[in-house]
N, C-alpha and C. Protein backbone atom coordinates (compact mmCIF):
# COMPACT_ATOMS: atom_id res chain seq x y z
N MET A 1 0.85 -1.18 0.00
CA MET A 1 0.00 0.00 0.00
C MET A 1 0.89 1.23 0.00
N VAL A 2 0.57 2.17 -0.85
CA VAL A 2 1.30 3.43 -0.90
C VAL A 2 0.49 4.43 -0.11
N ALA A 3 1.04 4.94 0.98
CA ALA A 3 0.30 5.87 1.83
C ALA A 3 0.79 7.29 1.60
N HIS A 4 -0.13 8.19 1.55
CA HIS A 4 0.20 9.60 1.36
C HIS A 4 -0.63 10.43 2.30
N ARG A 5 0.02 11.16 3.19
CA ARG A 5 -0.68 12.17 3.98
C ARG A 5 -0.65 13.40 3.10
N ALA A 6 -1.79 13.89 2.71
CA ALA A 6 -1.81 14.92 1.69
C ALA A 6 -2.59 16.14 2.11
N ASN A 7 -2.11 17.30 1.67
CA ASN A 7 -2.99 18.45 1.74
C ASN A 7 -3.81 18.43 0.47
N SER A 8 -4.77 19.32 0.32
CA SER A 8 -5.68 19.23 -0.82
C SER A 8 -4.93 19.36 -2.15
N THR A 9 -3.88 20.17 -2.23
CA THR A 9 -3.16 20.34 -3.47
C THR A 9 -2.42 19.06 -3.84
N MET A 10 -1.79 18.41 -2.85
CA MET A 10 -1.07 17.18 -3.13
C MET A 10 -2.03 16.08 -3.58
N ALA A 11 -3.16 15.97 -2.91
CA ALA A 11 -4.14 14.94 -3.29
C ALA A 11 -4.63 15.20 -4.71
N GLN A 12 -4.87 16.45 -5.04
CA GLN A 12 -5.34 16.80 -6.37
C GLN A 12 -4.28 16.44 -7.41
N GLN A 13 -3.02 16.74 -7.15
CA GLN A 13 -1.95 16.44 -8.09
C GLN A 13 -1.82 14.93 -8.28
N GLU A 14 -1.91 14.17 -7.19
CA GLU A 14 -1.81 12.72 -7.30
C GLU A 14 -2.90 12.15 -8.17
N LEU A 15 -4.13 12.61 -7.94
CA LEU A 15 -5.24 12.10 -8.73
C LEU A 15 -5.04 12.41 -10.20
N GLN A 16 -4.58 13.60 -10.51
CA GLN A 16 -4.42 13.99 -11.90
C GLN A 16 -3.28 13.25 -12.57
N GLN A 17 -2.19 12.99 -11.86
CA GLN A 17 -0.99 12.49 -12.51
C GLN A 17 -0.74 11.00 -12.34
N TYR A 18 -1.09 10.41 -11.23
CA TYR A 18 -0.60 9.08 -10.93
C TYR A 18 -1.65 7.98 -10.78
N VAL A 19 -2.92 8.31 -10.67
CA VAL A 19 -3.91 7.30 -10.34
C VAL A 19 -4.82 7.01 -11.52
N PRO A 20 -4.64 5.85 -12.17
CA PRO A 20 -5.53 5.51 -13.28
C PRO A 20 -6.89 5.03 -12.77
N LEU A 21 -7.91 5.21 -13.59
CA LEU A 21 -9.22 4.69 -13.25
C LEU A 21 -9.11 3.19 -13.06
N GLY A 22 -9.91 2.67 -12.15
CA GLY A 22 -9.86 1.24 -11.84
C GLY A 22 -8.98 0.94 -10.64
N SER A 23 -8.20 1.91 -10.18
CA SER A 23 -7.35 1.72 -9.01
C SER A 23 -8.20 1.63 -7.75
N ILE A 24 -7.71 0.88 -6.77
CA ILE A 24 -8.38 0.80 -5.47
C ILE A 24 -7.73 1.86 -4.59
N VAL A 25 -8.57 2.75 -4.03
CA VAL A 25 -8.06 3.88 -3.25
C VAL A 25 -8.82 4.02 -1.93
N THR A 26 -8.20 4.69 -0.98
CA THR A 26 -8.89 5.13 0.23
C THR A 26 -8.67 6.63 0.36
N CYS A 27 -9.71 7.34 0.79
CA CYS A 27 -9.64 8.79 0.93
C CYS A 27 -10.20 9.17 2.28
N LYS A 28 -9.71 10.28 2.83
CA LYS A 28 -10.28 10.82 4.05
C LYS A 28 -10.56 12.29 3.84
N ASP A 29 -11.78 12.72 4.22
CA ASP A 29 -12.15 14.12 4.09
C ASP A 29 -11.82 14.86 5.39
N PRO A 30 -12.00 16.18 5.43
CA PRO A 30 -11.66 16.95 6.63
C PRO A 30 -12.45 16.55 7.88
N TYR A 31 -13.56 15.81 7.71
CA TYR A 31 -14.38 15.40 8.85
C TYR A 31 -14.05 13.98 9.30
N ASP A 32 -12.92 13.44 8.85
CA ASP A 32 -12.46 12.09 9.17
C ASP A 32 -13.37 10.99 8.62
N ASN A 33 -14.15 11.28 7.60
CA ASN A 33 -14.93 10.24 6.93
C ASN A 33 -14.00 9.53 5.95
N LYS A 34 -13.89 8.21 6.09
CA LYS A 34 -12.99 7.45 5.25
C LYS A 34 -13.79 6.69 4.19
N THR A 35 -13.33 6.73 2.96
CA THR A 35 -13.99 6.07 1.85
C THR A 35 -12.97 5.18 1.16
N GLU A 36 -13.36 3.93 0.91
CA GLU A 36 -12.46 3.00 0.23
C GLU A 36 -13.22 2.35 -0.92
N GLY A 37 -12.56 2.19 -2.06
CA GLY A 37 -13.18 1.52 -3.19
C GLY A 37 -12.43 1.76 -4.48
N GLU A 38 -13.12 1.47 -5.57
CA GLU A 38 -12.53 1.59 -6.90
C GLU A 38 -12.79 2.98 -7.46
N LEU A 39 -11.75 3.62 -7.95
CA LEU A 39 -11.88 4.92 -8.60
C LEU A 39 -12.48 4.66 -9.98
N VAL A 40 -13.76 5.07 -10.17
CA VAL A 40 -14.44 4.76 -11.43
C VAL A 40 -14.61 5.96 -12.35
N ALA A 41 -14.49 7.17 -11.82
CA ALA A 41 -14.64 8.34 -12.68
C ALA A 41 -14.02 9.57 -12.03
N MET A 42 -13.58 10.48 -12.89
CA MET A 42 -13.08 11.77 -12.44
C MET A 42 -13.61 12.82 -13.39
N ASP A 43 -14.02 13.95 -12.83
CA ASP A 43 -14.46 15.07 -13.64
C ASP A 43 -13.47 16.20 -13.41
N GLU A 44 -12.59 16.40 -14.35
CA GLU A 44 -11.54 17.39 -14.20
C GLU A 44 -12.07 18.81 -13.96
N PRO A 45 -13.08 19.29 -14.72
CA PRO A 45 -13.53 20.68 -14.52
C PRO A 45 -14.08 20.96 -13.12
N THR A 46 -14.83 20.01 -12.55
CA THR A 46 -15.42 20.26 -11.23
C THR A 46 -14.57 19.74 -10.10
N GLY A 47 -13.60 18.89 -10.40
CA GLY A 47 -12.75 18.32 -9.36
C GLY A 47 -13.41 17.20 -8.59
N MET A 48 -14.48 16.62 -9.12
CA MET A 48 -15.18 15.55 -8.42
C MET A 48 -14.64 14.19 -8.85
N ILE A 49 -14.61 13.26 -7.89
CA ILE A 49 -14.25 11.88 -8.20
C ILE A 49 -15.37 10.98 -7.70
N ILE A 50 -15.49 9.82 -8.34
CA ILE A 50 -16.51 8.85 -7.95
C ILE A 50 -15.80 7.56 -7.58
N ILE A 51 -16.11 7.07 -6.37
CA ILE A 51 -15.51 5.85 -5.87
C ILE A 51 -16.63 4.84 -5.62
N ARG A 52 -16.46 3.63 -6.16
CA ARG A 52 -17.44 2.57 -5.95
C ARG A 52 -16.94 1.65 -4.84
N SER A 53 -17.82 1.36 -3.88
CA SER A 53 -17.48 0.49 -2.77
C SER A 53 -17.15 -0.91 -3.29
N MET A 54 -16.21 -1.57 -2.65
CA MET A 54 -15.83 -2.92 -3.05
C MET A 54 -16.80 -3.96 -2.47
N THR A 55 -17.56 -3.58 -1.45
CA THR A 55 -18.43 -4.54 -0.77
C THR A 55 -19.90 -4.41 -1.11
N SER A 56 -20.28 -3.34 -1.81
CA SER A 56 -21.68 -3.14 -2.17
C SER A 56 -21.75 -2.32 -3.44
N ASP A 57 -22.97 -1.98 -3.87
CA ASP A 57 -23.14 -1.15 -5.06
C ASP A 57 -23.10 0.33 -4.74
N ASP A 58 -22.77 0.69 -3.51
CA ASP A 58 -22.73 2.10 -3.11
C ASP A 58 -21.62 2.83 -3.83
N ILE A 59 -21.90 4.06 -4.20
CA ILE A 59 -20.86 4.91 -4.76
C ILE A 59 -20.80 6.20 -3.96
N THR A 60 -19.64 6.81 -3.96
CA THR A 60 -19.43 8.05 -3.22
C THR A 60 -18.86 9.09 -4.17
N VAL A 61 -19.41 10.28 -4.12
CA VAL A 61 -18.91 11.40 -4.90
C VAL A 61 -18.15 12.31 -3.96
N LEU A 62 -16.89 12.60 -4.28
CA LEU A 62 -16.04 13.43 -3.42
C LEU A 62 -15.44 14.57 -4.22
N ASN A 63 -15.23 15.68 -3.54
CA ASN A 63 -14.51 16.80 -4.13
C ASN A 63 -13.05 16.59 -3.80
N ARG A 64 -12.23 16.36 -4.81
CA ARG A 64 -10.83 16.02 -4.55
C ARG A 64 -10.06 17.15 -3.90
N GLN A 65 -10.56 18.39 -4.01
CA GLN A 65 -9.87 19.51 -3.38
C GLN A 65 -10.02 19.49 -1.87
N LEU A 66 -10.99 18.73 -1.35
CA LEU A 66 -11.23 18.68 0.09
C LEU A 66 -10.58 17.47 0.76
N LEU A 67 -9.94 16.60 0.00
CA LEU A 67 -9.32 15.42 0.59
C LEU A 67 -8.11 15.80 1.42
N VAL A 68 -8.00 15.22 2.60
CA VAL A 68 -6.83 15.48 3.44
C VAL A 68 -5.91 14.26 3.48
N GLU A 69 -6.43 13.12 3.08
CA GLU A 69 -5.60 11.92 3.03
C GLU A 69 -6.01 11.11 1.82
N PHE A 70 -5.03 10.52 1.15
CA PHE A 70 -5.30 9.76 -0.06
C PHE A 70 -4.32 8.59 -0.12
N ASP A 71 -4.82 7.37 -0.18
CA ASP A 71 -3.97 6.18 -0.25
C ASP A 71 -4.32 5.39 -1.50
N VAL A 72 -3.30 4.93 -2.21
CA VAL A 72 -3.52 4.03 -3.33
C VAL A 72 -3.26 2.63 -2.80
N VAL A 73 -4.32 1.84 -2.67
CA VAL A 73 -4.19 0.48 -2.15
C VAL A 73 -3.65 -0.43 -3.24
N LYS A 74 -4.22 -0.31 -4.44
CA LYS A 74 -3.78 -1.13 -5.57
C LYS A 74 -3.96 -0.32 -6.84
N LYS A 75 -2.87 -0.09 -7.54
CA LYS A 75 -2.92 0.69 -8.77
C LYS A 75 -3.43 -0.20 -9.90
N ALA A 76 -4.31 0.33 -10.74
CA ALA A 76 -4.82 -0.42 -11.88
C ALA A 76 -3.68 -0.75 -12.84
N GLN A 77 -3.74 -1.93 -13.43
CA GLN A 77 -2.68 -2.37 -14.34
C GLN A 77 -2.54 -1.47 -15.56
N ASN A 78 -3.66 -1.16 -16.17
CA ASN A 78 -3.66 -0.31 -17.37
C ASN A 78 -4.26 1.03 -17.03
N ASN A 79 -3.68 2.07 -17.55
CA ASN A 79 -4.25 3.39 -17.33
C ASN A 79 -5.48 3.51 -18.23
N THR A 80 -6.65 3.46 -17.61
CA THR A 80 -7.89 3.51 -18.38
C THR A 80 -8.52 4.89 -18.33
N ARG A 81 -7.74 5.90 -17.95
CA ARG A 81 -8.27 7.26 -17.86
C ARG A 81 -8.88 7.67 -19.19
N GLY A 82 -10.11 8.15 -19.11
CA GLY A 82 -10.78 8.64 -20.30
C GLY A 82 -11.41 7.53 -21.14
N VAL A 83 -11.20 6.28 -20.75
CA VAL A 83 -11.76 5.18 -21.50
C VAL A 83 -12.94 4.61 -20.73
N PHE A 84 -14.04 4.37 -21.42
CA PHE A 84 -15.21 3.78 -20.78
C PHE A 84 -14.87 2.35 -20.38
N MET A 85 -15.25 1.95 -19.19
CA MET A 85 -14.91 0.61 -18.69
C MET A 85 -16.16 -0.27 -18.78
N PRO A 86 -16.40 -0.93 -19.94
CA PRO A 86 -17.64 -1.67 -20.12
C PRO A 86 -17.80 -2.87 -19.21
N GLU A 87 -16.71 -3.44 -18.71
CA GLU A 87 -16.83 -4.61 -17.85
C GLU A 87 -17.42 -4.28 -16.47
N LYS A 88 -17.41 -3.01 -16.09
CA LYS A 88 -17.95 -2.60 -14.79
C LYS A 88 -18.75 -1.33 -14.98
N LEU A 89 -19.98 -1.46 -15.42
CA LEU A 89 -20.82 -0.30 -15.66
C LEU A 89 -21.20 0.38 -14.36
N VAL A 90 -21.25 1.68 -14.36
CA VAL A 90 -21.69 2.44 -13.21
C VAL A 90 -23.18 2.70 -13.37
N ASN A 91 -23.95 2.35 -12.38
CA ASN A 91 -25.39 2.53 -12.42
C ASN A 91 -25.71 4.02 -12.22
N ASP A 92 -26.36 4.62 -13.22
CA ASP A 92 -26.68 6.05 -13.17
C ASP A 92 -27.50 6.43 -11.94
N SER A 93 -28.41 5.56 -11.52
CA SER A 93 -29.25 5.90 -10.37
C SER A 93 -28.41 5.98 -9.10
N HIS A 94 -27.37 5.16 -8.99
CA HIS A 94 -26.49 5.23 -7.83
C HIS A 94 -25.72 6.56 -7.83
N VAL A 95 -25.28 6.98 -9.00
CA VAL A 95 -24.56 8.25 -9.11
C VAL A 95 -25.49 9.40 -8.72
N ARG A 96 -26.73 9.39 -9.27
CA ARG A 96 -27.69 10.44 -8.95
C ARG A 96 -27.98 10.48 -7.45
N LYS A 97 -28.16 9.29 -6.85
CA LYS A 97 -28.47 9.20 -5.43
C LYS A 97 -27.32 9.77 -4.58
N ALA A 98 -26.08 9.44 -4.97
CA ALA A 98 -24.92 9.95 -4.23
C ALA A 98 -24.81 11.47 -4.36
N ILE A 99 -25.09 12.00 -5.54
CA ILE A 99 -25.04 13.44 -5.75
C ILE A 99 -26.12 14.13 -4.92
N GLU A 100 -27.33 13.56 -4.90
CA GLU A 100 -28.41 14.13 -4.10
C GLU A 100 -28.07 14.12 -2.61
N ALA A 101 -27.43 13.06 -2.15
CA ALA A 101 -27.02 12.98 -0.74
C ALA A 101 -26.03 14.09 -0.42
N LYS A 102 -25.08 14.35 -1.32
CA LYS A 102 -24.11 15.43 -1.11
C LYS A 102 -24.81 16.79 -1.10
N GLU A 103 -25.77 16.98 -2.00
CA GLU A 103 -26.50 18.25 -2.04
C GLU A 103 -27.30 18.45 -0.76
N ASP A 104 -27.90 17.39 -0.23
CA ASP A 104 -28.64 17.47 1.03
C ASP A 104 -27.69 17.86 2.17
N ALA A 105 -26.51 17.25 2.18
CA ALA A 105 -25.53 17.57 3.24
C ALA A 105 -25.11 19.03 3.16
N ILE A 106 -24.91 19.52 1.95
CA ILE A 106 -24.51 20.92 1.78
C ILE A 106 -25.62 21.85 2.26
N ARG A 107 -26.88 21.52 1.94
CA ARG A 107 -28.01 22.35 2.35
C ARG A 107 -28.14 22.42 3.87
N SER A 108 -27.75 21.34 4.53
CA SER A 108 -27.94 21.31 5.98
C SER A 108 -26.83 22.03 6.74
N VAL A 109 -25.80 22.49 6.05
CA VAL A 109 -24.70 23.21 6.70
C VAL A 109 -25.19 24.59 7.13
N CYS A 110 -24.88 24.93 8.35
CA CYS A 110 -25.38 26.19 8.88
C CYS A 110 -24.48 27.37 8.52
N PRO A 111 -25.04 28.57 8.60
CA PRO A 111 -24.23 29.77 8.36
C PRO A 111 -23.10 29.87 9.40
N VAL A 112 -22.02 30.47 9.01
CA VAL A 112 -20.84 30.57 9.86
C VAL A 112 -21.10 31.33 11.15
N ASP A 113 -21.91 32.36 11.11
CA ASP A 113 -22.09 33.23 12.27
C ASP A 113 -23.24 32.82 13.20
N VAL A 114 -23.72 31.58 13.08
CA VAL A 114 -24.74 31.09 14.01
C VAL A 114 -24.07 30.74 15.33
N SER A 115 -24.75 31.01 16.44
CA SER A 115 -24.19 30.74 17.76
C SER A 115 -23.94 29.24 17.95
N ASP A 116 -23.04 28.91 18.88
CA ASP A 116 -22.76 27.51 19.18
C ASP A 116 -24.02 26.81 19.65
N ALA A 117 -24.83 27.50 20.44
CA ALA A 117 -26.09 26.92 20.92
C ALA A 117 -27.01 26.60 19.74
N GLY A 118 -27.08 27.48 18.77
CA GLY A 118 -27.90 27.25 17.58
C GLY A 118 -27.43 26.03 16.81
N LYS A 119 -26.11 25.90 16.63
CA LYS A 119 -25.55 24.74 15.92
C LYS A 119 -25.86 23.44 16.66
N GLU A 120 -25.67 23.47 17.98
CA GLU A 120 -25.95 22.28 18.78
C GLU A 120 -27.43 21.93 18.76
N LEU A 121 -28.29 22.94 18.85
CA LEU A 121 -29.73 22.70 18.81
C LEU A 121 -30.13 22.06 17.49
N PHE A 122 -29.56 22.50 16.39
CA PHE A 122 -29.85 21.91 15.09
C PHE A 122 -29.56 20.41 15.13
N LYS A 123 -28.40 20.04 15.68
CA LYS A 123 -28.03 18.62 15.76
C LYS A 123 -29.03 17.84 16.61
N VAL A 124 -29.45 18.43 17.72
CA VAL A 124 -30.39 17.76 18.62
C VAL A 124 -31.75 17.57 17.95
N ILE A 125 -32.27 18.62 17.33
CA ILE A 125 -33.56 18.50 16.64
C ILE A 125 -33.46 17.50 15.50
N ASN A 126 -32.31 17.50 14.81
CA ASN A 126 -32.11 16.60 13.68
C ASN A 126 -32.20 15.13 14.07
N LYS A 127 -31.94 14.81 15.33
CA LYS A 127 -32.04 13.41 15.79
C LYS A 127 -33.49 12.95 15.83
N THR A 128 -34.41 13.85 16.16
CA THR A 128 -35.82 13.47 16.24
C THR A 128 -36.61 13.88 15.00
N TYR A 129 -36.11 14.85 14.27
CA TYR A 129 -36.80 15.35 13.09
C TYR A 129 -35.74 15.56 12.00
N PRO A 130 -35.40 14.49 11.26
CA PRO A 130 -34.27 14.56 10.33
C PRO A 130 -34.46 15.42 9.08
N LYS A 131 -35.65 15.90 8.85
CA LYS A 131 -35.89 16.71 7.65
C LYS A 131 -35.76 18.19 7.99
N LEU A 132 -34.51 18.63 8.17
CA LEU A 132 -34.22 20.01 8.58
C LEU A 132 -33.32 20.70 7.58
N GLU A 133 -33.35 22.01 7.64
CA GLU A 133 -32.36 22.80 6.90
C GLU A 133 -32.25 24.18 7.55
N TRP A 134 -31.19 24.88 7.20
CA TRP A 134 -31.02 26.26 7.64
C TRP A 134 -31.58 27.17 6.57
N LYS A 135 -32.39 28.13 6.96
CA LYS A 135 -32.83 29.20 6.06
C LYS A 135 -32.38 30.48 6.75
N GLY A 136 -31.29 31.02 6.25
CA GLY A 136 -30.68 32.15 6.95
C GLY A 136 -30.20 31.66 8.29
N HIS A 137 -30.66 32.28 9.36
CA HIS A 137 -30.27 31.86 10.70
C HIS A 137 -31.35 31.04 11.39
N SER A 138 -32.38 30.66 10.67
CA SER A 138 -33.50 29.91 11.25
C SER A 138 -33.39 28.43 10.91
N ILE A 139 -33.76 27.59 11.86
CA ILE A 139 -33.83 26.14 11.66
C ILE A 139 -35.25 25.86 11.17
N VAL A 140 -35.37 25.22 10.02
CA VAL A 140 -36.68 25.04 9.40
C VAL A 140 -36.92 23.57 9.08
N GLY A 141 -38.12 23.09 9.41
CA GLY A 141 -38.55 21.75 9.00
C GLY A 141 -38.86 21.78 7.52
N LEU A 142 -38.33 20.82 6.77
CA LEU A 142 -38.49 20.82 5.31
C LEU A 142 -39.94 20.68 4.86
N GLU A 143 -40.78 20.15 5.72
CA GLU A 143 -42.18 20.00 5.35
C GLU A 143 -43.00 21.22 5.76
N GLY A 144 -42.34 22.27 6.22
CA GLY A 144 -43.00 23.52 6.58
C GLY A 144 -43.76 23.46 7.90
N ASP A 145 -43.47 22.44 8.71
CA ASP A 145 -44.19 22.24 9.96
C ASP A 145 -43.78 23.23 11.05
N PHE A 146 -42.51 23.63 11.05
CA PHE A 146 -42.04 24.51 12.11
C PHE A 146 -40.82 25.30 11.67
N LYS A 147 -40.51 26.30 12.50
CA LYS A 147 -39.34 27.16 12.28
C LYS A 147 -38.87 27.61 13.66
N VAL A 148 -37.56 27.54 13.89
CA VAL A 148 -36.98 28.03 15.15
C VAL A 148 -36.05 29.19 14.80
N ASN A 149 -36.43 30.37 15.25
CA ASN A 149 -35.65 31.58 14.95
C ASN A 149 -34.69 31.88 16.10
N PRO A 150 -33.62 32.64 15.82
CA PRO A 150 -32.75 33.08 16.90
C PRO A 150 -33.58 33.86 17.91
N PRO A 151 -33.36 33.74 19.16
CA PRO A 151 -32.25 33.12 19.88
C PRO A 151 -32.46 31.64 20.21
N TYR A 152 -33.32 30.96 19.46
CA TYR A 152 -33.50 29.51 19.56
C TYR A 152 -34.08 29.08 20.91
N THR A 153 -35.07 29.81 21.38
CA THR A 153 -35.76 29.47 22.63
C THR A 153 -37.14 28.91 22.30
N THR A 154 -37.86 28.44 23.32
CA THR A 154 -39.21 27.91 23.08
C THR A 154 -40.12 29.00 22.53
N ASP A 155 -39.90 30.25 22.94
CA ASP A 155 -40.72 31.36 22.43
C ASP A 155 -40.47 31.65 20.96
N SER A 156 -39.32 31.20 20.43
CA SER A 156 -39.00 31.50 19.04
C SER A 156 -39.38 30.35 18.09
N VAL A 157 -40.14 29.37 18.61
CA VAL A 157 -40.63 28.27 17.76
C VAL A 157 -41.97 28.68 17.15
N GLU A 158 -42.06 28.62 15.84
CA GLU A 158 -43.29 28.91 15.12
C GLU A 158 -43.65 27.66 14.33
N GLY A 159 -44.95 27.49 14.05
CA GLY A 159 -45.30 26.34 13.22
C GLY A 159 -46.74 26.28 12.80
N SER A 160 -46.96 25.60 11.69
CA SER A 160 -48.31 25.42 11.17
C SER A 160 -48.96 24.18 11.76
N ASN A 161 -48.15 23.25 12.25
CA ASN A 161 -48.66 22.02 12.84
C ASN A 161 -48.43 22.10 14.35
N GLU A 162 -49.49 22.25 15.11
CA GLU A 162 -49.39 22.47 16.55
C GLU A 162 -48.73 21.29 17.27
N THR A 163 -49.04 20.07 16.87
CA THR A 163 -48.46 18.89 17.51
C THR A 163 -46.95 18.87 17.35
N ILE A 164 -46.49 19.10 16.11
CA ILE A 164 -45.04 19.09 15.85
C ILE A 164 -44.38 20.29 16.52
N SER A 165 -45.02 21.45 16.48
CA SER A 165 -44.45 22.64 17.13
C SER A 165 -44.30 22.42 18.63
N ASP A 166 -45.30 21.79 19.27
CA ASP A 166 -45.21 21.50 20.70
C ASP A 166 -44.07 20.52 20.99
N ARG A 167 -43.92 19.54 20.13
CA ARG A 167 -42.83 18.56 20.30
C ARG A 167 -41.47 19.25 20.17
N ILE A 168 -41.35 20.14 19.18
CA ILE A 168 -40.09 20.87 18.98
C ILE A 168 -39.82 21.80 20.17
N LYS A 169 -40.86 22.42 20.71
CA LYS A 169 -40.69 23.27 21.90
C LYS A 169 -40.15 22.47 23.07
N LYS A 170 -40.63 21.23 23.24
CA LYS A 170 -40.13 20.38 24.32
C LYS A 170 -38.67 20.02 24.10
N VAL A 171 -38.30 19.74 22.85
CA VAL A 171 -36.91 19.43 22.52
C VAL A 171 -36.04 20.65 22.80
N VAL A 172 -36.50 21.83 22.42
CA VAL A 172 -35.75 23.08 22.63
C VAL A 172 -35.59 23.33 24.13
N GLU A 173 -36.67 23.15 24.89
CA GLU A 173 -36.61 23.37 26.34
C GLU A 173 -35.61 22.42 27.00
N LYS A 174 -35.70 21.15 26.66
CA LYS A 174 -34.78 20.15 27.23
C LYS A 174 -33.34 20.46 26.82
N PHE A 175 -33.16 20.86 25.55
CA PHE A 175 -31.83 21.20 25.06
C PHE A 175 -31.23 22.33 25.89
N HIS A 176 -32.00 23.38 26.12
CA HIS A 176 -31.46 24.53 26.86
C HIS A 176 -31.11 24.18 28.30
N LYS A 177 -31.89 23.30 28.93
CA LYS A 177 -31.55 22.85 30.29
C LYS A 177 -30.21 22.12 30.28
N GLU A 178 -30.06 21.19 29.34
CA GLU A 178 -28.81 20.42 29.23
C GLU A 178 -27.64 21.31 28.83
N TYR A 179 -27.88 22.19 27.89
CA TYR A 179 -26.82 23.08 27.39
C TYR A 179 -26.34 24.00 28.51
N SER A 180 -27.27 24.56 29.28
CA SER A 180 -26.91 25.43 30.40
C SER A 180 -26.13 24.66 31.46
N ARG A 181 -26.56 23.44 31.72
CA ARG A 181 -25.86 22.60 32.69
C ARG A 181 -24.43 22.32 32.22
N ARG A 182 -24.29 21.97 30.94
CA ARG A 182 -22.94 21.70 30.39
C ARG A 182 -22.08 22.94 30.40
N GLN A 183 -22.66 24.09 30.06
CA GLN A 183 -21.90 25.35 30.06
C GLN A 183 -21.45 25.70 31.45
N GLY A 184 -22.29 25.47 32.45
CA GLY A 184 -21.94 25.72 33.85
C GLY A 184 -20.81 24.82 34.30
N THR A 185 -20.85 23.55 33.88
CA THR A 185 -19.78 22.59 34.21
C THR A 185 -18.49 22.99 33.53
N THR A 186 -18.57 23.40 32.27
CA THR A 186 -17.39 23.79 31.51
C THR A 186 -16.74 25.03 32.11
N LYS A 187 -17.56 26.01 32.50
CA LYS A 187 -17.01 27.26 33.03
C LYS A 187 -16.36 27.06 34.39
N SER A 188 -16.88 26.13 35.20
CA SER A 188 -16.31 25.94 36.53
C SER A 188 -15.10 25.02 36.52
N SER A 189 -14.84 24.33 35.39
CA SER A 189 -13.68 23.43 35.34
C SER A 189 -12.40 24.19 35.11
């Protein structure tokens, strides 16, 4: 195995110059998510690569500029870059599904200037109500059921569905009790 601890520029250069399609690779993103599989496609203009899992039909779409670690487990015998690989067709629906998952992840990223409490509350609500997104500084249910505005208190919960709004208010209330307790512990340590 050839191991490379890489910054984004080094990983990008390696992919462009040394790794033929069909190679078995492992990659790590800045969030320590590790992906291993066969390099099946690269899109030079966007910097995206597609890796197919060796154990299932899952595929992963990665931005090569964000890779912090890149390992070549097994280099492909022939450089098949730019050549369609008919013996291993990539299922278009898997590619579409992986792209949609990445777009969902990007949508759920919060604005930089949201308070730590707001970021933590988003994670907590997301455990019980996974269909969330940020709209500006507000946490919004994708089905339009509720909205939590800054300062993210029970009074700042709005909603068209009273049952869901009440449930979210309880989650917010419990969150603030726990968050205050943790902050008090952190400050006294």
